[in-house]
């Protein structure tokens, strides 16, 4: 169930609802089916602020149609380096991940950008722990294990603290085996721009968690 008018309109847009012109009553009925029944004034404001829609005609027969496809702003080849820089700035991508992958991403080398991001993540863990071996999944399992970890985020006393440690250990392990390794060994992996952004955001989150972790000597 959607929470508000903006969320309901965005969801309809992502589903292709606005590919053809829709009247106010059509929209009102569609969002009510999603469990959202806002006051008329609130929906009208949301429609006016929806930058992915354009208006056709004039009241009371005004129609609404999409200005561009759901992912066009991100996936369009027309994005300039300034646009991409703005996206990364807004997403607050970790500087080391951006340094490792930014130019590759801008050049359209999405799979390589993802690989380099998670390779850098692996290196960040090694550098923080001052360890040369092991590598990848084995490294993450050893460094973040609940019993005698090398890196931790809490005292590991409560169940919540232990769950956090265990959960992130598996996220780091999975990132190595499920994301980095296939792109290092297989040529068939073909990532899109939007997929690359999603993976870079994940790499950035994990990189920030490395920065936050405490070293145990």
C-alpha atoms as a PDB file:
ATOM      1  CA  UNK A   1       0.000   0.000   0.000  1.00  0.00           C
ATOM      2  CA  UNK A   2       1.389   3.404  -0.991  1.00  0.00           C
ATOM      3  CA  UNK A   3       1.730   6.167   1.614  1.00  0.00           C
ATOM      4  CA  UNK A   4       0.914   9.366  -0.268  1.00  0.00           C
ATOM      5  CA  UNK A   5      -0.064  10.916  -3.598  1.00  0.00           C
ATOM      6  CA  UNK A   6       3.508  11.398  -4.823  1.00  0.00           C
ATOM      7  CA  UNK A   7       4.388   7.773  -4.116  1.00  0.00           C
ATOM      8  CA  UNK A   8       1.205   6.584  -5.824  1.00  0.00           C
ATOM      9  CA  UNK A   9       1.875   8.688  -8.938  1.00  0.00           C
ATOM     10  CA  UNK A  10       5.482   7.502  -9.109  1.00  0.00           C
ATOM     11  CA  UNK A  11       4.382   3.890  -8.893  1.00  0.00           C
ATOM     12  CA  UNK A  12       1.813   4.389 -11.648  1.00  0.00           C
ATOM     13  CA  UNK A  13       4.493   6.045 -13.771  1.00  0.00           C
ATOM     14  CA  UNK A  14       6.884   3.120 -13.221  1.00  0.00           C
ATOM     15  CA  UNK A  15       4.132   0.743 -14.350  1.00  0.00           C
ATOM     16  CA  UNK A  16       3.611   2.653 -17.597  1.00  0.00           C
ATOM     17  CA  UNK A  17       0.196   4.006 -16.608  1.00  0.00           C
ATOM     18  CA  UNK A  18       0.959   7.443 -18.067  1.00  0.00           C
ATOM     19  CA  UNK A  19       2.168   6.209 -21.465  1.00  0.00           C
ATOM     20  CA  UNK A  20      -1.233   7.268 -22.722  1.00  0.00           C
ATOM     21  CA  UNK A  21      -3.017  10.429 -21.672  1.00  0.00           C
ATOM     22  CA  UNK A  22      -5.017  10.127 -18.443  1.00  0.00           C
ATOM     23  CA  UNK A  23      -7.687  12.434 -17.042  1.00  0.00           C
ATOM     24  CA  UNK A  24      -7.937  13.400 -13.396  1.00  0.00           C
ATOM     25  CA  UNK A  25     -10.740  10.891 -12.732  1.00  0.00           C
ATOM     26  CA  UNK A  26      -8.664   8.076 -14.280  1.00  0.00           C
ATOM     27  CA  UNK A  27      -5.756   8.927 -11.994  1.00  0.00           C
ATOM     28  CA  UNK A  28      -7.958   9.271  -8.914  1.00  0.00           C
ATOM     29  CA  UNK A  29      -9.448   5.825  -9.536  1.00  0.00           C
ATOM     30  CA  UNK A  30      -6.051   4.224 -10.206  1.00  0.00           C
ATOM     31  CA  UNK A  31      -4.428   5.473  -7.018  1.00  0.00           C
ATOM     32  CA  UNK A  32      -7.488   4.553  -4.943  1.00  0.00           C
ATOM     33  CA  UNK A  33      -6.911   0.960  -6.079  1.00  0.00           C
ATOM     34  CA  UNK A  34      -3.466   1.239  -4.508  1.00  0.00           C
ATOM     35  CA  UNK A  35      -5.004   2.170  -1.177  1.00  0.00           C
ATOM     36  CA  UNK A  36      -4.406   5.912  -1.449  1.00  0.00           C
ATOM     37  CA  UNK A  37      -7.371   8.289  -1.186  1.00  0.00           C
ATOM     38  CA  UNK A  38      -5.967  11.808  -0.696  1.00  0.00           C
ATOM     39  CA  UNK A  39      -8.025  15.012  -0.653  1.00  0.00           C
ATOM     40  CA  UNK A  40      -8.510  16.494  -4.108  1.00  0.00           C
ATOM     41  CA  UNK A  41      -6.298  19.471  -3.284  1.00  0.00           C
ATOM     42  CA  UNK A  42      -3.411  17.186  -2.224  1.00  0.00           C
ATOM     43  CA  UNK A  43      -3.581  15.117  -5.400  1.00  0.00           C
ATOM     44  CA  UNK A  44      -3.702  18.239  -7.545  1.00  0.00           C
ATOM     45  CA  UNK A  45      -0.555  19.554  -5.849  1.00  0.00           C
ATOM     46  CA  UNK A  46       1.190  16.212  -6.372  1.00  0.00           C
ATOM     47  CA  UNK A  47       0.240  16.249 -10.067  1.00  0.00           C
ATOM     48  CA  UNK A  48       1.522  19.796 -10.452  1.00  0.00           C
ATOM     49  CA  UNK A  49       4.854  18.847  -8.851  1.00  0.00           C
ATOM     50  CA  UNK A  50       5.314  15.554 -10.759  1.00  0.00           C
ATOM     51  CA  UNK A  51       8.309  16.408 -12.961  1.00  0.00           C
ATOM     52  CA  UNK A  52       7.860  13.202 -14.949  1.00  0.00           C
ATOM     53  CA  UNK A  53       4.443  14.295 -16.263  1.00  0.00           C
ATOM     54  CA  UNK A  54       3.321  16.939 -18.720  1.00  0.00           C
ATOM     55  CA  UNK A  55      -0.151  18.448 -18.938  1.00  0.00           C
ATOM     56  CA  UNK A  56      -2.329  18.538 -22.041  1.00  0.00           C
ATOM     57  CA  UNK A  57      -5.308  20.791 -22.527  1.00  0.00           C
ATOM     58  CA  UNK A  58      -6.826  22.961 -19.841  1.00  0.00           C
ATOM     59  CA  UNK A  59      -9.278  22.483 -16.930  1.00  0.00           C
ATOM     60  CA  UNK A  60     -11.688  20.867 -16.532  1.00  0.00           C
ATOM     61  CA  UNK A  61     -10.656  18.448 -19.318  1.00  0.00           C
ATOM     62  CA  UNK A  62      -6.899  18.594 -18.637  1.00  0.00           C
ATOM     63  CA  UNK A  63      -4.992  15.368 -19.268  1.00  0.00           C
ATOM     64  CA  UNK A  64      -1.662  14.067 -17.988  1.00  0.00           C
ATOM     65  CA  UNK A  65       0.922  12.042 -19.907  1.00  0.00           C
ATOM     66  CA  UNK A  66       4.485  11.000 -19.089  1.00  0.00           C
ATOM     67  CA  UNK A  67       7.232  13.405 -20.044  1.00  0.00           C
ATOM     68  CA  UNK A  68       9.730  10.517 -20.225  1.00  0.00           C
ATOM     69  CA  UNK A  69       9.935   6.837 -19.326  1.00  0.00           C
ATOM     70  CA  UNK A  70      10.457   5.742 -15.732  1.00  0.00           C
ATOM     71  CA  UNK A  71      14.210   5.145 -15.969  1.00  0.00           C
ATOM     72  CA  UNK A  72      15.031   7.518 -18.831  1.00  0.00           C
ATOM     73  CA  UNK A  73      16.664  10.152 -16.655  1.00  0.00           C
ATOM     74  CA  UNK A  74      19.175   7.596 -15.406  1.00  0.00           C
ATOM     75  CA  UNK A  75      19.582   5.265 -18.377  1.00  0.00           C
ATOM     76  CA  UNK A  76      19.566   7.831 -21.157  1.00  0.00           C
ATOM     77  CA  UNK A  77      22.780   7.965 -23.183  1.00  0.00           C
ATOM     78  CA  UNK A  78      22.259  11.732 -23.320  1.00  0.00           C
ATOM     79  CA  UNK A  79      23.309  12.202 -19.710  1.00  0.00           C
ATOM     80  CA  UNK A  80      26.310  14.502 -19.551  1.00  0.00           C
ATOM     81  CA  UNK A  81      29.274  13.948 -17.210  1.00  0.00           C
ATOM     82  CA  UNK A  82      27.849  16.810 -15.135  1.00  0.00           C
ATOM     83  CA  UNK A  83      24.521  14.945 -14.827  1.00  0.00           C
ATOM     84  CA  UNK A  84      26.318  11.771 -13.716  1.00  0.00           C
ATOM     85  CA  UNK A  85      28.452  13.717 -11.262  1.00  0.00           C
ATOM     86  CA  UNK A  86      25.283  15.228  -9.796  1.00  0.00           C
ATOM     87  CA  UNK A  87      23.675  11.788  -9.439  1.00  0.00           C
ATOM     88  CA  UNK A  88      26.718  10.418  -7.600  1.00  0.00           C
ATOM     89  CA  UNK A  89      26.864  13.510  -5.400  1.00  0.00           C
ATOM     90  CA  UNK A  90      23.195  13.190  -4.476  1.00  0.00           C
ATOM     91  CA  UNK A  91      23.666   9.492  -3.703  1.00  0.00           C
ATOM     92  CA  UNK A  92      26.750  10.351  -1.593  1.00  0.00           C
ATOM     93  CA  UNK A  93      28.877   7.611  -3.170  1.00  0.00           C
ATOM     94  CA  UNK A  94      31.953   6.826  -1.066  1.00  0.00           C
ATOM     95  CA  UNK A  95      34.974   8.683  -2.562  1.00  0.00           C
ATOM     96  CA  UNK A  96      37.082   5.517  -2.896  1.00  0.00           C
ATOM     97  CA  UNK A  97      34.314   3.751  -4.793  1.00  0.00           C
ATOM     98  CA  UNK A  98      33.863   6.793  -7.010  1.00  0.00           C
ATOM     99  CA  UNK A  99      37.596   6.977  -7.654  1.00  0.00           C
ATOM    100  CA  UNK A 100      37.728   3.294  -8.604  1.00  0.00           C
ATOM    101  CA  UNK A 101      34.631   3.246 -10.809  1.00  0.00           C
ATOM    102  CA  UNK A 102      33.577   6.763 -11.803  1.00  0.00           C
ATOM    103  CA  UNK A 103      35.444   7.018 -15.099  1.00  0.00           C
ATOM    104  CA  UNK A 104      34.522   3.476 -16.117  1.00  0.00           C
ATOM    105  CA  UNK A 105      30.872   4.226 -15.425  1.00  0.00           C
ATOM    106  CA  UNK A 106      31.000   7.463 -17.437  1.00  0.00           C
ATOM    107  CA  UNK A 107      32.589   5.555 -20.307  1.00  0.00           C
ATOM    108  CA  UNK A 108      29.757   3.022 -20.381  1.00  0.00           C
ATOM    109  CA  UNK A 109      31.864   0.157 -18.986  1.00  0.00           C
ATOM    110  CA  UNK A 110      29.267  -0.809 -16.407  1.00  0.00           C
ATOM    111  CA  UNK A 111      30.323  -4.368 -15.576  1.00  0.00           C
ATOM    112  CA  UNK A 112      33.948  -3.289 -15.185  1.00  0.00           C
ATOM    113  CA  UNK A 113      32.853  -0.347 -13.013  1.00  0.00           C
ATOM    114  CA  UNK A 114      31.000  -2.736 -10.717  1.00  0.00           C
ATOM    115  CA  UNK A 115      33.941  -5.137 -10.578  1.00  0.00           C
ATOM    116  CA  UNK A 116      36.387  -2.352  -9.700  1.00  0.00           C
ATOM    117  CA  UNK A 117      34.053  -1.029  -6.999  1.00  0.00           C
ATOM    118  CA  UNK A 118      33.910  -4.362  -5.180  1.00  0.00           C
ATOM    119  CA  UNK A 119      37.605  -4.989  -5.787  1.00  0.00           C
ATOM    120  CA  UNK A 120      38.234  -1.673  -4.039  1.00  0.00           C
ATOM    121  CA  UNK A 121      35.919  -2.728  -1.222  1.00  0.00           C
ATOM    122  CA  UNK A 122      37.977  -5.893  -0.794  1.00  0.00           C
ATOM    123  CA  UNK A 123      41.156  -3.801  -0.688  1.00  0.00           C
ATOM    124  CA  UNK A 124      39.660  -1.416   1.870  1.00  0.00           C
ATOM    125  CA  UNK A 125      38.983  -4.312   4.237  1.00  0.00           C
ATOM    126  CA  UNK A 126      42.515  -5.653   3.751  1.00  0.00           C
ATOM    127  CA  UNK A 127      44.100  -2.255   4.332  1.00  0.00           C
ATOM    128  CA  UNK A 128      42.091  -1.555   7.472  1.00  0.00           C
ATOM    129  CA  UNK A 129      42.950  -4.977   8.903  1.00  0.00           C
ATOM    130  CA  UNK A 130      46.548  -4.851   7.634  1.00  0.00           C
ATOM    131  CA  UNK A 131      46.080  -8.305   6.085  1.00  0.00           C
ATOM    132  CA  UNK A 132      47.399  -9.630   2.778  1.00  0.00           C
ATOM    133  CA  UNK A 133      45.575 -12.959   2.889  1.00  0.00           C
ATOM    134  CA  UNK A 134      43.022 -14.456   2.566  1.00  0.00           C
ATOM    135  CA  UNK A 135      40.977 -12.726  -0.122  1.00  0.00           C
ATOM    136  CA  UNK A 136      37.354 -12.232  -1.109  1.00  0.00           C
ATOM    137  CA  UNK A 137      34.698 -14.346   0.583  1.00  0.00           C
ATOM    138  CA  UNK A 138      37.185 -16.052   2.933  1.00  0.00           C
ATOM    139  CA  UNK A 139      38.568 -12.686   3.984  1.00  0.00           C
ATOM    140  CA  UNK A 140      35.120 -11.348   4.846  1.00  0.00           C
ATOM    141  CA  UNK A 141      34.183 -14.506   6.765  1.00  0.00           C
ATOM    142  CA  UNK A 142      37.332 -14.240   8.859  1.00  0.00           C
ATOM    143  CA  UNK A 143      37.319 -10.498   9.440  1.00  0.00           C
ATOM    144  CA  UNK A 144      33.653 -10.089  10.377  1.00  0.00           C
ATOM    145  CA  UNK A 145      32.952 -13.379  12.187  1.00  0.00           C
ATOM    146  CA  UNK A 146      31.073 -12.964  15.453  1.00  0.00           C
ATOM    147  CA  UNK A 147      33.612 -14.897  17.522  1.00  0.00           C
ATOM    148  CA  UNK A 148      36.988 -13.088  17.544  1.00  0.00           C
ATOM    149  CA  UNK A 149      36.325 -10.600  14.700  1.00  0.00           C
ATOM    150  CA  UNK A 150      39.014  -8.354  13.315  1.00  0.00           C
ATOM    151  CA  UNK A 151      36.465  -5.642  12.521  1.00  0.00           C
ATOM    152  CA  UNK A 152      33.280  -5.016  14.466  1.00  0.00           C
ATOM    153  CA  UNK A 153      30.616  -2.330  14.958  1.00  0.00           C
ATOM    154  CA  UNK A 154      29.604  -2.954  18.546  1.00  0.00           C
ATOM    155  CA  UNK A 155      30.476  -4.790  21.760  1.00  0.00           C
ATOM    156  CA  UNK A 156      28.672  -7.880  20.420  1.00  0.00           C
ATOM    157  CA  UNK A 157      26.878  -8.414  23.706  1.00  0.00           C
ATOM    158  CA  UNK A 158      23.201  -8.148  22.849  1.00  0.00           C
ATOM    159  CA  UNK A 159      21.450 -10.337  20.294  1.00  0.00           C
ATOM    160  CA  UNK A 160      20.804  -7.280  18.114  1.00  0.00           C
ATOM    161  CA  UNK A 161      24.509  -6.443  18.066  1.00  0.00           C
ATOM    162  CA  UNK A 162      25.415 -10.016  17.163  1.00  0.00           C
ATOM    163  CA  UNK A 163      22.721 -10.103  14.470  1.00  0.00           C
ATOM    164  CA  UNK A 164      24.097  -6.928  12.918  1.00  0.00           C
ATOM    165  CA  UNK A 165      27.615  -8.352  12.851  1.00  0.00           C
ATOM    166  CA  UNK A 166      26.465 -11.654  11.381  1.00  0.00           C
ATOM    167  CA  UNK A 167      24.191  -9.997   8.842  1.00  0.00           C
ATOM    168  CA  UNK A 168      26.859  -7.657   7.502  1.00  0.00           C
ATOM    169  CA  UNK A 169      29.405 -10.470   7.445  1.00  0.00           C
ATOM    170  CA  UNK A 170      27.120 -12.302   5.029  1.00  0.00           C
ATOM    171  CA  UNK A 171      26.525  -9.136   2.984  1.00  0.00           C
ATOM    172  CA  UNK A 172      30.277  -8.676   2.553  1.00  0.00           C
ATOM    173  CA  UNK A 173      30.745 -12.358   1.749  1.00  0.00           C
ATOM    174  CA  UNK A 174      27.888 -12.300  -0.755  1.00  0.00           C
ATOM    175  CA  UNK A 175      29.235  -9.164  -2.395  1.00  0.00           C
ATOM    176  CA  UNK A 176      32.476 -10.974  -3.154  1.00  0.00           C
ATOM    177  CA  UNK A 177      31.028 -14.273  -4.389  1.00  0.00           C
ATOM    178  CA  UNK A 178      27.868 -12.990  -6.063  1.00  0.00           C
ATOM    179  CA  UNK A 179      28.927  -9.616  -7.471  1.00  0.00           C
ATOM    180  CA  UNK A 180      32.708  -9.269  -7.755  1.00  0.00           C
ATOM    181  CA  UNK A 181      33.714 -12.798  -8.759  1.00  0.00           C
ATOM    182  CA  UNK A 182      31.330 -13.308 -11.727  1.00  0.00           C
ATOM    183  CA  UNK A 183      32.538 -10.059 -13.288  1.00  0.00           C
ATOM    184  CA  UNK A 184      36.148 -11.085 -12.791  1.00  0.00           C
ATOM    185  CA  UNK A 185      35.786 -14.494 -14.463  1.00  0.00           C
ATOM    186  CA  UNK A 186      32.836 -14.371 -16.861  1.00  0.00           C
ATOM    187  CA  UNK A 187      32.521 -12.316 -20.038  1.00  0.00           C
ATOM    188  CA  UNK A 188      28.765 -12.820 -20.416  1.00  0.00           C
ATOM    189  CA  UNK A 189      27.783 -10.455 -17.592  1.00  0.00           C
ATOM    190  CA  UNK A 190      26.161  -7.429 -19.245  1.00  0.00           C
ATOM    191  CA  UNK A 191      25.114  -4.733 -16.799  1.00  0.00           C
ATOM    192  CA  UNK A 192      22.999  -1.687 -17.609  1.00  0.00           C
ATOM    193  CA  UNK A 193      23.554   1.847 -16.380  1.00  0.00           C
ATOM    194  CA  UNK A 194      20.793   1.612 -13.795  1.00  0.00           C
ATOM    195  CA  UNK A 195      22.086  -1.757 -12.543  1.00  0.00           C
ATOM    196  CA  UNK A 196      25.557  -0.274 -12.222  1.00  0.00           C
ATOM    197  CA  UNK A 197      24.250   2.613 -10.145  1.00  0.00           C
ATOM    198  CA  UNK A 198      22.428   0.203  -7.830  1.00  0.00           C
ATOM    199  CA  UNK A 199      25.549  -1.905  -7.323  1.00  0.00           C
ATOM    200  CA  UNK A 200      27.744   1.160  -6.789  1.00  0.00           C
ATOM    201  CA  UNK A 201      25.344   2.367  -4.105  1.00  0.00           C
ATOM    202  CA  UNK A 202      25.675  -1.016  -2.372  1.00  0.00           C
ATOM    203  CA  UNK A 203      29.471  -0.920  -2.655  1.00  0.00           C
ATOM    204  CA  UNK A 204      29.401   2.598  -1.226  1.00  0.00           C
ATOM    205  CA  UNK A 205      27.259   1.537   1.738  1.00  0.00           C
ATOM    206  CA  UNK A 206      29.617  -1.326   2.563  1.00  0.00           C
ATOM    207  CA  UNK A 207      32.645   0.950   2.145  1.00  0.00           C
ATOM    208  CA  UNK A 208      31.159   3.374   4.657  1.00  0.00           C
ATOM    209  CA  UNK A 209      30.598   0.469   7.055  1.00  0.00           C
ATOM    210  CA  UNK A 210      34.289  -0.415   6.735  1.00  0.00           C
ATOM    211  CA  UNK A 211      35.151   3.168   7.724  1.00  0.00           C
ATOM    212  CA  UNK A 212      32.844   2.895  10.744  1.00  0.00           C
ATOM    213  CA  UNK A 213      34.179  -0.454  11.946  1.00  0.00           C
ATOM    214  CA  UNK A 214      36.434  -0.751  14.975  1.00  0.00           C
ATOM    215  CA  UNK A 215      39.699  -2.674  14.638  1.00  0.00           C
ATOM    216  CA  UNK A 216      40.263  -5.469  17.164  1.00  0.00           C
ATOM    217  CA  UNK A 217      43.928  -6.226  17.842  1.00  0.00           C
END
